Protein backbone atom coordinates (compact mmCIF):
# COMPACT_ATOMS: atom_id res chain seq x y z
CA MET A 1 -23.49 -32.93 68.67
CA LYS A 2 -25.98 -35.31 66.25
CA GLU A 3 -28.70 -32.07 66.57
CA THR A 4 -25.92 -29.80 65.54
CA LEU A 5 -25.10 -31.60 62.31
CA LYS A 6 -28.89 -32.25 61.91
CA ALA A 7 -29.03 -28.24 61.61
CA ASN A 8 -26.21 -28.16 59.54
CA LYS A 9 -27.32 -30.86 57.25
CA LYS A 10 -30.29 -28.90 56.97
CA LEU A 11 -28.91 -25.33 56.29
CA LYS A 12 -26.65 -27.38 53.03
CA LYS A 13 -29.80 -28.60 51.63
CA TYR A 14 -31.16 -24.83 51.41
CA ILE A 15 -28.61 -23.40 50.30
CA THR A 16 -27.76 -26.05 47.10
CA HIS A 17 -31.86 -26.48 45.88
CA ASN A 18 -34.03 -23.68 47.99
CA LEU A 19 -31.68 -20.83 47.54
CA SER A 20 -33.29 -17.78 46.35
CA ASN A 21 -32.66 -14.09 45.51
CA LEU A 22 -34.59 -13.01 48.36
CA ASP A 23 -32.43 -14.37 50.60
CA TYR A 24 -29.70 -11.94 49.39
CA GLN A 25 -31.41 -9.05 50.24
CA SER A 26 -30.77 -6.69 53.37
CA THR A 27 -32.61 -6.80 56.43
CA ASP A 28 -33.17 -3.92 59.07
CA GLN A 29 -31.47 -5.77 61.81
CA ILE A 30 -28.36 -5.23 62.82
CA GLY A 31 -27.01 -8.31 64.73
CA ALA A 32 -25.87 -8.70 67.97
CA GLY A 33 -21.92 -9.11 66.39
CA GLY A 34 -22.35 -5.18 64.73
CA ASP A 35 -22.54 -7.04 61.02
CA LYS A 36 -26.01 -6.58 59.03
CA THR A 37 -28.26 -8.93 58.27
CA LYS A 38 -29.15 -10.14 55.54
CA GLN A 39 -32.20 -12.69 55.13
CA ILE A 40 -29.83 -15.73 54.81
CA ASP A 41 -28.32 -15.29 58.30
CA ILE A 42 -32.17 -14.93 59.96
CA ILE A 43 -32.76 -18.55 57.63
CA ALA A 44 -29.31 -20.38 59.21
CA GLU A 45 -29.79 -18.77 62.25
CA ASP A 46 -34.20 -19.92 62.58
CA ILE A 47 -32.85 -23.75 61.46
CA PHE A 48 -30.48 -24.00 64.07
CA VAL A 49 -32.57 -22.29 66.87
CA SER A 50 -35.25 -24.81 65.77
CA TYR A 51 -32.90 -27.52 66.59
CA LEU A 52 -30.86 -26.12 69.72
CA SER A 53 -33.00 -24.53 71.23
CA SER A 54 -34.42 -27.13 73.25
CA PHE A 55 -31.51 -27.34 75.05
CA CYS A 56 -30.31 -24.43 76.51
CA ASP A 57 -30.84 -20.22 75.58
CA ILE A 58 -28.47 -19.69 72.76
CA LEU A 59 -26.49 -16.64 72.17
CA SER A 60 -26.53 -16.21 68.04
CA GLU A 61 -24.46 -13.17 66.20
CA GLU A 62 -27.54 -12.17 65.04
CA SER A 63 -30.37 -12.16 67.34
CA GLY A 64 -28.20 -11.97 70.59
CA LEU A 65 -29.57 -13.93 73.31
CA ILE A 66 -32.70 -16.22 73.02
CA LYS A 67 -33.72 -17.71 75.82
CA SER A 68 -34.89 -21.59 75.93
CA LYS A 69 -38.96 -22.40 77.23
CA ILE A 70 -37.20 -25.82 77.69
CA ASN A 71 -33.54 -26.32 79.28
CA GLN A 72 -32.76 -29.88 79.03
CA ILE A 73 -29.24 -28.46 80.24
CA SER A 74 -28.51 -26.81 83.58
CA ASN A 75 -26.41 -23.68 83.98
CA ALA A 76 -25.24 -24.08 80.14
CA LEU A 77 -25.42 -21.59 76.65
CA ILE A 78 -24.93 -22.25 73.55
CA ILE A 79 -23.01 -19.48 71.02
CA ILE A 80 -23.75 -19.74 67.51
CA ASP A 81 -22.30 -18.21 64.55
CA PRO A 82 -25.08 -19.51 61.69
CA LEU A 83 -23.32 -18.09 58.90
CA ASP A 84 -19.52 -17.81 59.33
CA GLY A 85 -18.03 -15.76 56.33
CA SER A 86 -21.17 -14.69 55.34
CA ASP A 87 -19.75 -11.91 53.10
CA ASN A 88 -18.05 -14.78 51.30
CA PHE A 89 -21.25 -16.65 50.84
CA LEU A 90 -22.92 -13.38 49.23
CA SER A 91 -20.15 -12.99 46.67
CA ASN A 92 -20.54 -16.64 46.11
CA LEU A 93 -16.54 -17.32 47.86
CA PRO A 94 -16.66 -20.58 48.61
CA TYR A 95 -15.22 -20.40 51.69
CA TYR A 96 -17.93 -19.96 54.34
CA GLY A 97 -19.37 -22.35 57.34
CA THR A 98 -20.86 -22.20 60.96
CA SER A 99 -19.74 -22.69 64.18
CA VAL A 100 -21.44 -23.54 67.32
CA SER A 101 -20.47 -24.21 71.03
CA LEU A 102 -21.34 -25.27 74.31
CA ARG A 103 -20.78 -23.69 77.65
CA ILE A 104 -21.40 -24.81 80.28
CA ASP A 105 -21.06 -22.99 83.69
CA ASN A 106 -19.35 -20.99 81.53
CA VAL A 107 -16.26 -23.11 80.45
CA PRO A 108 -16.57 -24.84 76.73
CA ILE A 109 -16.62 -28.26 76.28
CA ILE A 110 -17.88 -28.85 72.98
CA GLY A 111 -17.32 -27.13 69.87
CA ILE A 112 -18.22 -27.63 65.90
CA VAL A 113 -16.81 -25.75 63.16
CA TYR A 114 -18.60 -27.05 59.62
CA ASN A 115 -17.45 -25.94 56.48
CA LEU A 116 -20.58 -25.38 54.12
CA VAL A 117 -18.55 -25.62 51.01
CA ASN A 118 -17.21 -29.15 51.31
CA ASP A 119 -19.88 -30.81 53.58
CA THR A 120 -16.70 -31.42 56.07
CA TYR A 121 -16.50 -30.22 60.20
CA ILE A 122 -14.02 -30.21 62.49
CA PHE A 123 -14.65 -30.66 66.23
CA LYS A 124 -13.84 -31.47 69.59
CA THR A 125 -15.76 -33.16 72.94
CA PRO A 126 -14.45 -34.53 76.54
CA ASN A 127 -13.46 -37.16 74.87
CA GLU A 128 -12.54 -36.78 71.43
CA THR A 129 -10.90 -34.04 68.78
CA ASN A 130 -11.24 -35.15 64.96
CA PHE A 131 -9.24 -32.44 62.13
CA CYS A 132 -9.79 -32.25 59.08
CA ILE A 133 -6.03 -33.51 58.30
CA LYS A 134 -4.33 -34.84 60.65
CA ASP A 135 -0.53 -34.74 61.53
CA ARG A 136 0.56 -33.22 58.75
CA GLU A 137 4.33 -33.44 58.28
CA GLU A 138 4.32 -29.66 56.31
CA GLN A 139 1.75 -26.45 56.23
CA ASN A 140 2.41 -24.29 53.53
CA PHE A 141 1.42 -21.19 54.46
CA GLY A 142 -0.92 -19.03 57.97
CA ILE A 143 -4.22 -17.44 58.05
CA PHE A 144 -4.21 -13.87 59.02
CA GLU A 145 -7.77 -12.74 59.09
CA ARG A 146 -8.86 -9.23 59.55
CA ALA A 147 -5.40 -8.56 57.94
CA TYR A 148 -6.75 -5.51 56.26
CA THR A 149 -6.55 -3.96 59.02
CA ARG A 150 -3.53 -4.38 59.82
CA PRO A 151 -0.76 -3.09 56.89
CA ASP A 152 1.66 -3.14 59.61
CA ILE A 153 1.86 -5.99 60.65
CA VAL A 154 1.50 -7.91 57.15
CA GLN A 155 4.39 -5.62 56.22
CA LYS A 156 6.11 -7.55 59.19
CA LEU A 157 4.92 -10.75 58.47
CA HIS A 158 6.54 -10.76 54.62
CA ASP A 159 10.12 -9.22 56.34
CA TYR A 160 9.59 -12.27 58.32
CA LYS A 161 9.09 -14.16 54.82
CA LEU A 162 5.83 -15.94 56.79
CA LYS A 163 3.12 -16.37 53.99
CA PHE A 164 -0.27 -16.76 54.77
CA ARG A 165 -4.18 -16.05 53.40
CA SER A 166 -6.86 -14.68 54.34
CA PRO A 167 -10.06 -15.95 53.28
CA GLY A 168 -12.65 -13.70 55.13
CA ALA A 169 -14.22 -16.70 57.78
CA THR A 170 -12.61 -16.31 61.13
CA ALA A 171 -14.32 -19.40 62.72
CA LEU A 172 -13.22 -21.67 60.16
CA SER A 173 -9.87 -20.53 60.11
CA LEU A 174 -9.13 -20.94 63.97
CA ALA A 175 -11.02 -23.85 63.82
CA ASN A 176 -8.40 -25.22 61.27
CA SER A 177 -5.72 -23.88 63.02
CA ASN A 178 -3.77 -27.38 62.94
CA ASN A 179 -3.22 -27.62 59.55
CA LEU A 180 -1.73 -23.82 59.21
CA THR A 181 1.76 -22.19 59.65
CA PHE A 182 -0.45 -20.18 62.25
CA PHE A 183 -3.31 -18.28 62.56
CA LEU A 184 -3.24 -15.05 63.30
CA LEU A 185 -7.02 -12.47 64.35
CA ALA A 186 -6.41 -8.87 64.65
CA GLY A 187 -9.62 -6.67 66.26
CA LYS A 188 -12.54 -7.63 68.71
CA MET A 189 -12.69 -10.80 69.76
CA ARG A 190 -16.38 -12.41 69.18
CA ALA A 191 -17.94 -15.43 71.21
CA PHE A 192 -19.49 -15.73 67.78
CA ASP A 193 -16.35 -16.43 66.22
CA ILE A 194 -13.28 -18.17 68.67
CA ASP A 195 -15.37 -19.77 70.98
CA ALA A 196 -15.84 -23.38 69.29
CA GLY A 197 -12.19 -22.78 67.24
CA LEU A 198 -10.45 -21.77 70.07
CA LEU A 199 -11.61 -24.81 72.11
CA ILE A 200 -10.74 -27.52 69.66
CA SER A 201 -6.88 -25.47 69.34
CA GLN A 202 -6.73 -25.39 72.84
CA ASP A 203 -3.29 -28.03 72.22
CA LEU A 204 -1.50 -25.84 70.38
CA HIS A 205 0.64 -22.59 71.00
CA ILE A 206 -1.95 -19.78 71.93
CA PHE A 207 -1.87 -16.10 72.49
CA GLN A 208 -4.54 -13.88 72.86
CA ASN A 209 -4.94 -10.06 73.83
CA GLU A 210 -7.48 -7.31 73.23
CA LYS A 211 -5.73 -6.91 69.59
CA PHE A 212 -4.39 -10.21 68.69
CA LEU A 213 -5.69 -13.81 68.85
CA LEU A 214 -2.88 -16.04 67.42
CA VAL A 215 -2.70 -19.68 67.25
CA SER A 216 0.09 -21.91 65.74
CA LYS A 217 1.34 -25.68 66.19
CA ASN A 218 5.23 -24.79 65.45
CA ILE A 219 6.76 -23.41 68.25
CA VAL A 220 9.51 -20.84 66.35
CA ILE A 221 6.52 -19.71 64.52
CA PHE A 222 3.83 -18.95 67.32
CA GLU A 223 7.19 -16.88 69.33
CA ASN A 224 8.00 -15.22 66.20
CA VAL A 225 4.86 -14.05 65.17
CA LYS A 226 4.34 -12.73 68.75
CA GLU A 227 7.47 -10.85 68.98
CA ILE A 228 5.81 -9.00 65.80
CA ILE A 229 2.55 -8.55 67.12
CA LYS A 230 4.07 -7.60 71.08
CA GLY A 231 4.99 -3.77 70.28
CA TYR A 232 1.33 -3.03 68.26
């Protein structure tokens, strides 16, 4: 956990003080997550690998599996998205961050999602969960990531008068489920996007299949959205 926070602080410092136009350029690499890799993605990944690779193997959205030469933790795997919401970052839209989870024997036990814009983070360990905002009495809207792929679901949510946003940083949005009316993700479920956020949200209502991931603290809204997506 401490090394993950150090990596985030270093990345935040780089973005704030050392960013150049070269960092926005594309590389020839297609990341393990299927997206085109930018130079800033590689820089972010290198920072996390430098802090975390001594613990165990790392599965990164950019380079895939990165083997550890030391393996301080047995039967463990760290899963990272070194820049969640990279399109937002490249477009100067202030909603992007990082996601790190630790699995032991393939069971997630630690998850940390860091907001690089406001320098805050949400985490869960075996002994503690920390949300940015705790136990809010009222949530004003939900988040539907990749809403652009499902206009049919968008219309249904509108018919149910369920307000939502689609900000484009899946890990950040999922980790914030406790502060939303609901979180909904459509399409391919990638560990880089959802591993840490699902662990953080594990005490909420969760539904997941091959097409959708739905999370909500409100059982009524949860059942309503579940009903909407059931037929698709």
